Amino acid sequence: MGQKVHPLGFRIGISKEHNSFWYSKPNNYSSFVKQDFFIRNFIKEKMAGSFFSNIVIKRKLNDVNILVYSPKNGAFFKENSIKKLIDELSVQLLKKFNSRLISLNVFEVENVDSSASFIAELIRQQLEKRVPFRRVIKNAISKVQESGSSVKGVKVQISGRLNGAEIARTEWVREGQVPLHTLRANIDYSISRAQTIFGILGIKVWLYLI
């Protein structure tokens, strides 16, 4: 079961928290879900090329507060970028959903090498530069192992027409422990996809954190 279900959703309320914090009346629930989906996609599109490990949305009535977790040297820490993003997002939220953006705060991710989102993004960039997938996996695992003792295990999986092969297949490598069946285990998980000349490659990364 642990191999099939989403590792983060499987652990919500045990070792993971929700990424959206709000309550609503039944008739507003679907609208709030649409807003959260729109906000996350809007930030990803406007800040394309920037890395962020998580986007947390908190709301009170129609007021929206957004928390973005990003490396210190990322574009999110540039004052002009944040101000422009807030202005554009505020206009869109008011126009589409009649909601007010109260704040957008950026928090620093100290060790990005122990973030599954960062490793997945790193793999995507290398695959799109036509680096052989086995070397990409080896580089990713080495980077995780160099991050320190906070990571007890890592698993990387890439699927698709690997190295331009005619038949799609799946390759994965695991180092250390990655206990997907243990609910108390702090598993970080991320997916991405690389657009190559041979088609799309699917990327999955699991990290077992202390």
C-alpha atoms as a PDB file:
ATOM      1  CA  MET A   1       0.000   0.000   0.000  1.00  0.00           C
ATOM      2  CA  GLY A   2       2.797   2.394   0.903  1.00  0.00           C
ATOM      3  CA  GLN A   3       4.265   1.956  -2.576  1.00  0.00           C
ATOM      4  CA  LYS A   4       1.076   3.085  -4.321  1.00  0.00           C
ATOM      5  CA  VAL A   5      -0.396   5.906  -2.242  1.00  0.00           C
ATOM      6  CA  HIS A   6       0.941   9.491  -2.287  1.00  0.00           C
ATOM      7  CA  PRO A   7       3.631   9.638   0.452  1.00  0.00           C
ATOM      8  CA  LEU A   8       2.651  13.115   1.695  1.00  0.00           C
ATOM      9  CA  GLY A   9      -1.134  12.687   1.684  1.00  0.00           C
ATOM     10  CA  PHE A  10      -0.674   9.314   3.413  1.00  0.00           C
ATOM     11  CA  ARG A  11       1.042  11.045   6.367  1.00  0.00           C
ATOM     12  CA  ILE A  12      -1.106  14.161   6.838  1.00  0.00           C
ATOM     13  CA  GLY A  13      -2.002  14.509  10.500  1.00  0.00           C
ATOM     14  CA  ILE A  14       0.803  12.160  11.562  1.00  0.00           C
ATOM     15  CA  SER A  15       4.163  13.474  10.354  1.00  0.00           C
ATOM     16  CA  LYS A  16       2.967  15.998   7.735  1.00  0.00           C
ATOM     17  CA  GLU A  17       0.734  19.075   7.797  1.00  0.00           C
ATOM     18  CA  HIS A  18      -1.640  20.511   5.224  1.00  0.00           C
ATOM     19  CA  ASN A  19      -0.358  23.174   2.808  1.00  0.00           C
ATOM     20  CA  SER A  20      -3.650  25.074   3.038  1.00  0.00           C
ATOM     21  CA  PHE A  21      -5.092  26.291   6.347  1.00  0.00           C
ATOM     22  CA  TRP A  22      -8.674  27.549   6.304  1.00  0.00           C
ATOM     23  CA  TYR A  23     -12.274  26.748   7.138  1.00  0.00           C
ATOM     24  CA  SER A  24     -15.258  27.540   4.955  1.00  0.00           C
ATOM     25  CA  LYS A  25     -18.966  27.090   4.560  1.00  0.00           C
ATOM     26  CA  PRO A  26     -19.927  24.203   2.241  1.00  0.00           C
ATOM     27  CA  ASN A  27     -20.966  26.581  -0.554  1.00  0.00           C
ATOM     28  CA  ASN A  28     -17.542  28.335  -0.480  1.00  0.00           C
ATOM     29  CA  TYR A  29     -15.342  25.245  -0.311  1.00  0.00           C
ATOM     30  CA  SER A  30     -14.974  24.626  -4.055  1.00  0.00           C
ATOM     31  CA  SER A  31     -14.217  28.316  -4.664  1.00  0.00           C
ATOM     32  CA  PHE A  32     -11.407  28.300  -2.073  1.00  0.00           C
ATOM     33  CA  VAL A  33      -9.900  25.137  -3.582  1.00  0.00           C
ATOM     34  CA  LYS A  34      -9.927  26.804  -7.025  1.00  0.00           C
ATOM     35  CA  GLN A  35      -8.261  29.892  -5.548  1.00  0.00           C
ATOM     36  CA  ASP A  36      -5.491  27.823  -3.938  1.00  0.00           C
ATOM     37  CA  PHE A  37      -4.897  26.002  -7.227  1.00  0.00           C
ATOM     38  CA  PHE A  38      -4.835  29.319  -9.116  1.00  0.00           C
ATOM     39  CA  ILE A  39      -2.443  30.969  -6.617  1.00  0.00           C
ATOM     40  CA  ARG A  40       0.104  28.158  -6.743  1.00  0.00           C
ATOM     41  CA  ASN A  41       0.040  27.963 -10.551  1.00  0.00           C
ATOM     42  CA  PHE A  42       0.248  31.759 -10.848  1.00  0.00           C
ATOM     43  CA  ILE A  43       3.360  31.909  -8.636  1.00  0.00           C
ATOM     44  CA  LYS A  44       5.011  29.021 -10.515  1.00  0.00           C
ATOM     45  CA  GLU A  45       4.365  30.677 -13.891  1.00  0.00           C
ATOM     46  CA  LYS A  46       5.464  34.178 -12.863  1.00  0.00           C
ATOM     47  CA  MET A  47       8.566  32.924 -11.057  1.00  0.00           C
ATOM     48  CA  ALA A  48       9.500  30.278 -13.634  1.00  0.00           C
ATOM     49  CA  GLY A  49      13.136  29.321 -13.254  1.00  0.00           C
ATOM     50  CA  SER A  50      13.099  30.037  -9.520  1.00  0.00           C
ATOM     51  CA  PHE A  51      13.098  27.251  -6.965  1.00  0.00           C
ATOM     52  CA  PHE A  52      10.762  27.047  -3.989  1.00  0.00           C
ATOM     53  CA  SER A  53      10.216  24.025  -1.763  1.00  0.00           C
ATOM     54  CA  ASN A  54       6.682  24.808  -0.621  1.00  0.00           C
ATOM     55  CA  ILE A  55       3.791  27.272  -0.847  1.00  0.00           C
ATOM     56  CA  VAL A  56       1.499  27.474   2.190  1.00  0.00           C
ATOM     57  CA  ILE A  57      -1.811  29.344   1.972  1.00  0.00           C
ATOM     58  CA  LYS A  58      -3.684  30.651   5.006  1.00  0.00           C
ATOM     59  CA  ARG A  59      -6.938  32.549   4.817  1.00  0.00           C
ATOM     60  CA  LYS A  60      -9.408  34.307   7.066  1.00  0.00           C
ATOM     61  CA  LEU A  61     -12.759  35.001   5.407  1.00  0.00           C
ATOM     62  CA  ASN A  62     -11.721  36.508   2.029  1.00  0.00           C
ATOM     63  CA  ASP A  63      -8.245  37.597   3.174  1.00  0.00           C
ATOM     64  CA  VAL A  64      -5.359  35.504   1.828  1.00  0.00           C
ATOM     65  CA  ASN A  65      -1.901  35.084   3.392  1.00  0.00           C
ATOM     66  CA  ILE A  66       0.787  33.227   1.441  1.00  0.00           C
ATOM     67  CA  LEU A  67       4.033  31.737   2.788  1.00  0.00           C
ATOM     68  CA  VAL A  68       6.717  30.815   0.242  1.00  0.00           C
ATOM     69  CA  TYR A  69       9.781  28.746   1.189  1.00  0.00           C
ATOM     70  CA  SER A  70      12.783  29.414  -1.049  1.00  0.00           C
ATOM     71  CA  PRO A  71      16.627  29.437  -0.948  1.00  0.00           C
ATOM     72  CA  LYS A  72      18.283  32.659   0.194  1.00  0.00           C
ATOM     73  CA  ASN A  73      19.802  33.410  -3.221  1.00  0.00           C
ATOM     74  CA  GLY A  74      16.520  32.835  -5.086  1.00  0.00           C
ATOM     75  CA  ALA A  75      14.566  35.471  -7.001  1.00  0.00           C
ATOM     76  CA  PHE A  76      11.938  35.540  -4.245  1.00  0.00           C
ATOM     77  CA  PHE A  77      14.339  37.471  -2.012  1.00  0.00           C
ATOM     78  CA  LYS A  78      14.649  40.324  -4.502  1.00  0.00           C
ATOM     79  CA  GLU A  79      12.436  43.145  -3.287  1.00  0.00           C
ATOM     80  CA  ASN A  80      11.321  44.231  -6.761  1.00  0.00           C
ATOM     81  CA  SER A  81      10.328  40.685  -7.726  1.00  0.00           C
ATOM     82  CA  ILE A  82       8.200  40.223  -4.611  1.00  0.00           C
ATOM     83  CA  LYS A  83       6.494  43.607  -4.968  1.00  0.00           C
ATOM     84  CA  LYS A  84       5.658  42.986  -8.629  1.00  0.00           C
ATOM     85  CA  LEU A  85       4.326  39.504  -7.856  1.00  0.00           C
ATOM     86  CA  ILE A  86       2.148  40.801  -5.007  1.00  0.00           C
ATOM     87  CA  ASP A  87       0.685  43.571  -7.176  1.00  0.00           C
ATOM     88  CA  GLU A  88      -0.151  41.238 -10.069  1.00  0.00           C
ATOM     89  CA  LEU A  89      -1.557  38.502  -7.830  1.00  0.00           C
ATOM     90  CA  SER A  90      -3.670  40.994  -5.860  1.00  0.00           C
ATOM     91  CA  VAL A  91      -5.291  42.253  -9.063  1.00  0.00           C
ATOM     92  CA  GLN A  92      -6.037  38.730 -10.293  1.00  0.00           C
ATOM     93  CA  LEU A  93      -7.477  37.540  -6.963  1.00  0.00           C
ATOM     94  CA  LEU A  94      -9.748  40.562  -6.675  1.00  0.00           C
ATOM     95  CA  LYS A  95     -10.835  40.287 -10.298  1.00  0.00           C
ATOM     96  CA  LYS A  96     -11.457  36.533 -10.448  1.00  0.00           C
ATOM     97  CA  PHE A  97     -12.483  35.634  -6.887  1.00  0.00           C
ATOM     98  CA  ASN A  98     -13.180  38.918  -5.049  1.00  0.00           C
ATOM     99  CA  SER A  99     -10.472  38.022  -2.506  1.00  0.00           C
ATOM    100  CA  ARG A 100      -7.821  40.282  -0.990  1.00  0.00           C
ATOM    101  CA  LEU A 101      -4.153  39.337  -0.784  1.00  0.00           C
ATOM    102  CA  ILE A 102      -3.055  40.522   2.667  1.00  0.00           C
ATOM    103  CA  SER A 103       0.556  39.341   2.656  1.00  0.00           C
ATOM    104  CA  LEU A 104       3.137  37.262   0.811  1.00  0.00           C
ATOM    105  CA  ASN A 105       6.036  36.287   3.059  1.00  0.00           C
ATOM    106  CA  VAL A 106       9.191  34.497   1.945  1.00  0.00           C
ATOM    107  CA  PHE A 107      11.096  32.183   4.293  1.00  0.00           C
ATOM    108  CA  GLU A 108      14.604  30.902   3.725  1.00  0.00           C
ATOM    109  CA  VAL A 109      15.263  27.200   3.149  1.00  0.00           C
ATOM    110  CA  GLU A 110      18.617  26.629   4.831  1.00  0.00           C
ATOM    111  CA  ASN A 111      19.591  23.252   3.351  1.00  0.00           C
ATOM    112  CA  VAL A 112      18.103  22.916  -0.138  1.00  0.00           C
ATOM    113  CA  ASP A 113      20.024  19.682  -0.776  1.00  0.00           C
ATOM    114  CA  SER A 114      17.705  17.932   1.694  1.00  0.00           C
ATOM    115  CA  SER A 115      14.588  19.126  -0.163  1.00  0.00           C
ATOM    116  CA  ALA A 116      12.915  16.669  -2.554  1.00  0.00           C
ATOM    117  CA  SER A 117      11.547  19.582  -4.617  1.00  0.00           C
ATOM    118  CA  PHE A 118      15.046  20.970  -5.174  1.00  0.00           C
ATOM    119  CA  ILE A 119      16.497  17.582  -6.147  1.00  0.00           C
ATOM    120  CA  ALA A 120      13.619  16.950  -8.590  1.00  0.00           C
ATOM    121  CA  GLU A 121      14.160  20.384 -10.161  1.00  0.00           C
ATOM    122  CA  LEU A 122      17.910  19.738 -10.413  1.00  0.00           C
ATOM    123  CA  ILE A 123      17.247  16.434 -12.190  1.00  0.00           C
ATOM    124  CA  ARG A 124      14.786  18.102 -14.574  1.00  0.00           C
ATOM    125  CA  GLN A 125      17.294  20.773 -15.581  1.00  0.00           C
ATOM    126  CA  GLN A 126      20.045  18.223 -16.271  1.00  0.00           C
ATOM    127  CA  LEU A 127      17.778  15.897 -18.272  1.00  0.00           C
ATOM    128  CA  GLU A 128      16.638  18.807 -20.445  1.00  0.00           C
ATOM    129  CA  LYS A 129      20.325  19.543 -21.116  1.00  0.00           C
ATOM    130  CA  ARG A 130      20.625  15.968 -22.463  1.00  0.00           C
ATOM    131  CA  VAL A 131      22.840  14.673 -19.656  1.00  0.00           C
ATOM    132  CA  PRO A 132      22.638  10.811 -19.564  1.00  0.00           C
ATOM    133  CA  PHE A 133      20.024   9.757 -17.020  1.00  0.00           C
ATOM    134  CA  ARG A 134      22.320   7.416 -15.063  1.00  0.00           C
ATOM    135  CA  ARG A 135      24.798  10.248 -14.507  1.00  0.00           C
ATOM    136  CA  VAL A 136      21.901  12.522 -13.508  1.00  0.00           C
ATOM    137  CA  ILE A 137      20.700  10.033 -10.887  1.00  0.00           C
ATOM    138  CA  LYS A 138      24.251   9.549  -9.583  1.00  0.00           C
ATOM    139  CA  ASN A 139      24.784  13.322  -9.304  1.00  0.00           C
ATOM    140  CA  ALA A 140      21.458  13.792  -7.495  1.00  0.00           C
ATOM    141  CA  ILE A 141      22.158  11.069  -4.934  1.00  0.00           C
ATOM    142  CA  SER A 142      25.689  12.396  -4.351  1.00  0.00           C
ATOM    143  CA  LYS A 143      24.292  15.880  -3.725  1.00  0.00           C
ATOM    144  CA  VAL A 144      21.821  14.515  -1.171  1.00  0.00           C
ATOM    145  CA  GLN A 145      24.528  12.529   0.614  1.00  0.00           C
ATOM    146  CA  GLU A 146      26.726  15.637   0.815  1.00  0.00           C
ATOM    147  CA  SER A 147      23.897  17.580   2.493  1.00  0.00           C
ATOM    148  CA  GLY A 148      24.722  16.054   5.883  1.00  0.00           C
ATOM    149  CA  SER A 149      23.287  13.575   8.363  1.00  0.00           C
ATOM    150  CA  SER A 150      19.704  14.919   8.173  1.00  0.00           C
ATOM    151  CA  VAL A 151      18.908  12.532   5.281  1.00  0.00           C
ATOM    152  CA  LYS A 152      18.819   8.806   6.084  1.00  0.00           C
ATOM    153  CA  GLY A 153      17.822   7.610   2.621  1.00  0.00           C
ATOM    154  CA  VAL A 154      17.004   8.709  -0.917  1.00  0.00           C
ATOM    155  CA  LYS A 155      15.184   7.132  -3.848  1.00  0.00           C
ATOM    156  CA  VAL A 156      15.157   8.590  -7.370  1.00  0.00           C
ATOM    157  CA  GLN A 157      12.976   7.296 -10.208  1.00  0.00           C
ATOM    158  CA  ILE A 158      12.906   8.396 -13.857  1.00  0.00           C
ATOM    159  CA  SER A 159      10.380   7.106 -16.401  1.00  0.00           C
ATOM    160  CA  GLY A 160      10.031   7.525 -20.157  1.00  0.00           C
ATOM    161  CA  ARG A 161      12.161   7.116 -23.282  1.00  0.00           C
ATOM    162  CA  LEU A 162      15.444   7.124 -21.408  1.00  0.00           C
ATOM    163  CA  ASN A 163      18.428   8.226 -23.507  1.00  0.00           C
ATOM    164  CA  GLY A 164      16.124   8.216 -26.546  1.00  0.00           C
ATOM    165  CA  ALA A 165      15.246   4.504 -26.361  1.00  0.00           C
ATOM    166  CA  GLU A 166      12.386   3.336 -28.596  1.00  0.00           C
ATOM    167  CA  ILE A 167      10.515   1.681 -25.710  1.00  0.00           C
ATOM    168  CA  ALA A 168       9.715   3.649 -22.556  1.00  0.00           C
ATOM    169  CA  ARG A 169      10.826   2.160 -19.254  1.00  0.00           C
ATOM    170  CA  THR A 170      11.355   3.043 -15.603  1.00  0.00           C
ATOM    171  CA  GLU A 171      14.698   3.168 -13.820  1.00  0.00           C
ATOM    172  CA  TRP A 172      15.191   3.858 -10.121  1.00  0.00           C
ATOM    173  CA  VAL A 173      18.025   3.895  -7.593  1.00  0.00           C
ATOM    174  CA  ARG A 174      17.791   3.861  -3.800  1.00  0.00           C
ATOM    175  CA  GLU A 175      20.498   4.613  -1.254  1.00  0.00           C
ATOM    176  CA  GLY A 176      19.885   4.108   2.461  1.00  0.00           C
ATOM    177  CA  GLN A 177      16.452   3.580   4.010  1.00  0.00           C
ATOM    178  CA  VAL A 178      13.190   4.859   2.524  1.00  0.00           C
ATOM    179  CA  PRO A 179      10.412   3.266   4.665  1.00  0.00           C
ATOM    180  CA  LEU A 180       7.266   4.138   2.692  1.00  0.00           C
ATOM    181  CA  HIS A 181       5.051   1.888   4.863  1.00  0.00           C
ATOM    182  CA  THR A 182       6.037   3.583   8.140  1.00  0.00           C
ATOM    183  CA  LEU A 183       3.626   6.445   8.828  1.00  0.00           C
ATOM    184  CA  ARG A 184       5.876   8.015  11.475  1.00  0.00           C
ATOM    185  CA  ALA A 185       8.744   8.225   8.975  1.00  0.00           C
ATOM    186  CA  ASN A 186       9.386  11.793   7.806  1.00  0.00           C
ATOM    187  CA  ILE A 187       9.277  11.297   4.028  1.00  0.00           C
ATOM    188  CA  ASP A 188       9.719  14.261   1.688  1.00  0.00           C
ATOM    189  CA  TYR A 189       8.421  13.617  -1.829  1.00  0.00           C
ATOM    190  CA  SER A 190       8.319  15.565  -5.056  1.00  0.00           C
ATOM    191  CA  ILE A 191       7.531  14.971  -8.712  1.00  0.00           C
ATOM    192  CA  SER A 192       8.574  16.816 -11.841  1.00  0.00           C
ATOM    193  CA  ARG A 193       8.771  16.243 -15.564  1.00  0.00           C
ATOM    194  CA  ALA A 194      11.451  17.016 -18.107  1.00  0.00           C
ATOM    195  CA  GLN A 195      10.588  18.000 -21.673  1.00  0.00           C
ATOM    196  CA  THR A 196      13.175  16.385 -23.957  1.00  0.00           C
ATOM    197  CA  ILE A 197      13.406  15.950 -27.734  1.00  0.00           C
ATOM    198  CA  PHE A 198      12.301  12.324 -27.225  1.00  0.00           C
ATOM    199  CA  GLY A 199       9.234  13.230 -25.181  1.00  0.00           C
ATOM    200  CA  ILE A 200       8.408  13.815 -21.529  1.00  0.00           C
ATOM    201  CA  LEU A 201      10.356  12.091 -18.743  1.00  0.00           C
ATOM    202  CA  GLY A 202       8.668  11.647 -15.378  1.00  0.00           C
ATOM    203  CA  ILE A 203      10.747  12.306 -12.250  1.00  0.00           C
ATOM    204  CA  LYS A 204      10.010  11.177  -8.693  1.00  0.00           C
ATOM    205  CA  VAL A 205      12.159  11.810  -5.612  1.00  0.00           C
ATOM    206  CA  TRP A 206      11.734  10.406  -2.099  1.00  0.00           C
ATOM    207  CA  LEU A 207      13.868  11.559   0.862  1.00  0.00           C
ATOM    208  CA  TYR A 208      13.818  10.006   4.329  1.00  0.00           C
ATOM    209  CA  LEU A 209      14.572  12.849   6.731  1.00  0.00           C
ATOM    210  CA  ILE A 210      15.482  12.626  10.403  1.00  0.00           C
END
